């Protein structure tokens, strides 16, 4: 796992054919704007997040997004 800058994020996502974006923000934050194609997985709803994470395709590369970086690290 690596914390990356916005510039690195854009570059890596555009070049990675196996990229999957996980938006770990809360539903009220999603209403402020979403990343097109991102999978919504609210880290604050731990039980739901844990269930969804069990079904992730491990052959993909996951890029986890949140508002400040703290929740993406937890995810």
Protein backbone atom coordinates (compact mmCIF):
# COMPACT_ATOMS: atom_id res chain seq x y z
CA UNK A 1 0.00 0.00 0.00
CA UNK A 2 1.23 3.47 -0.85
CA UNK A 3 -0.19 6.93 -0.22
CA UNK A 4 0.00 8.86 -3.51
CA UNK A 5 -0.48 12.43 -4.65
CA UNK A 6 -3.34 13.57 -6.87
CA UNK A 7 -0.92 13.83 -9.81
CA UNK A 8 0.33 10.26 -9.24
CA UNK A 9 -3.30 9.09 -8.83
CA UNK A 10 -4.34 10.47 -12.21
CA UNK A 11 -1.30 9.03 -13.94
CA UNK A 12 -1.56 5.58 -12.37
CA UNK A 13 -5.32 5.26 -12.95
CA UNK A 14 -5.02 6.24 -16.60
CA UNK A 15 -2.19 3.75 -17.25
CA UNK A 16 -3.46 0.79 -15.20
CA UNK A 17 -5.81 -1.49 -17.13
CA UNK A 18 -6.48 -3.40 -13.89
CA UNK A 19 -7.40 -0.29 -11.85
CA UNK A 20 -10.47 -0.32 -9.65
CA UNK A 21 -11.35 2.79 -7.62
CA UNK A 22 -12.93 2.32 -4.20
CA UNK A 23 -14.56 5.41 -2.71
CA UNK A 24 -14.44 4.87 1.06
CA UNK A 25 -16.34 8.04 2.00
CA UNK A 26 -19.75 8.17 3.71
CA UNK A 27 -22.96 8.35 1.63
CA UNK A 28 -23.52 12.02 2.54
CA UNK A 29 -20.06 12.77 1.14
CA UNK A 30 -20.84 10.87 -2.08
CA UNK A 31 -23.66 13.37 -2.64
CA UNK A 32 -21.02 16.12 -2.87
CA UNK A 33 -19.57 14.42 -5.92
CA UNK A 34 -18.56 10.95 -6.95
CA UNK A 35 -15.78 9.52 -9.05
CA UNK A 36 -17.35 8.00 -12.14
CA UNK A 37 -17.03 4.22 -12.10
CA UNK A 38 -15.90 4.03 -8.48
CA UNK A 39 -17.20 1.31 -6.18
CA UNK A 40 -18.83 2.90 -3.14
CA UNK A 41 -17.67 1.18 0.05
CA UNK A 42 -18.33 3.24 3.19
CA UNK A 43 -15.49 2.42 5.60
CA UNK A 44 -17.57 3.78 8.49
CA UNK A 45 -20.07 0.92 7.95
CA UNK A 46 -17.50 -1.67 8.93
CA UNK A 47 -19.69 -4.76 8.60
CA UNK A 48 -20.82 -3.84 5.08
CA UNK A 49 -17.29 -2.80 4.10
CA UNK A 50 -15.90 -6.09 5.36
CA UNK A 51 -18.51 -8.12 3.45
CA UNK A 52 -17.88 -6.23 0.20
CA UNK A 53 -14.11 -6.51 0.57
CA UNK A 54 -14.38 -10.31 0.70
CA UNK A 55 -15.62 -10.25 -2.89
CA UNK A 56 -12.86 -8.11 -4.38
CA UNK A 57 -10.99 -9.58 -7.35
CA UNK A 58 -7.41 -9.96 -6.11
CA UNK A 59 -6.07 -9.84 -9.67
CA UNK A 60 -7.03 -6.12 -9.82
CA UNK A 61 -5.22 -3.08 -8.46
CA UNK A 62 -7.32 -1.07 -6.02
CA UNK A 63 -7.05 2.69 -5.57
CA UNK A 64 -8.87 3.77 -2.42
CA UNK A 65 -10.19 7.31 -2.18
CA UNK A 66 -11.52 9.34 0.74
CA UNK A 67 -11.81 13.02 1.57
CA UNK A 68 -8.63 13.46 3.63
CA UNK A 69 -6.63 10.24 3.32
CA UNK A 70 -7.26 8.83 6.80
CA UNK A 71 -10.11 6.48 5.89
CA UNK A 72 -8.40 5.27 2.72
CA UNK A 73 -5.45 4.16 4.85
CA UNK A 74 -7.83 2.33 7.22
CA UNK A 75 -9.55 0.70 4.26
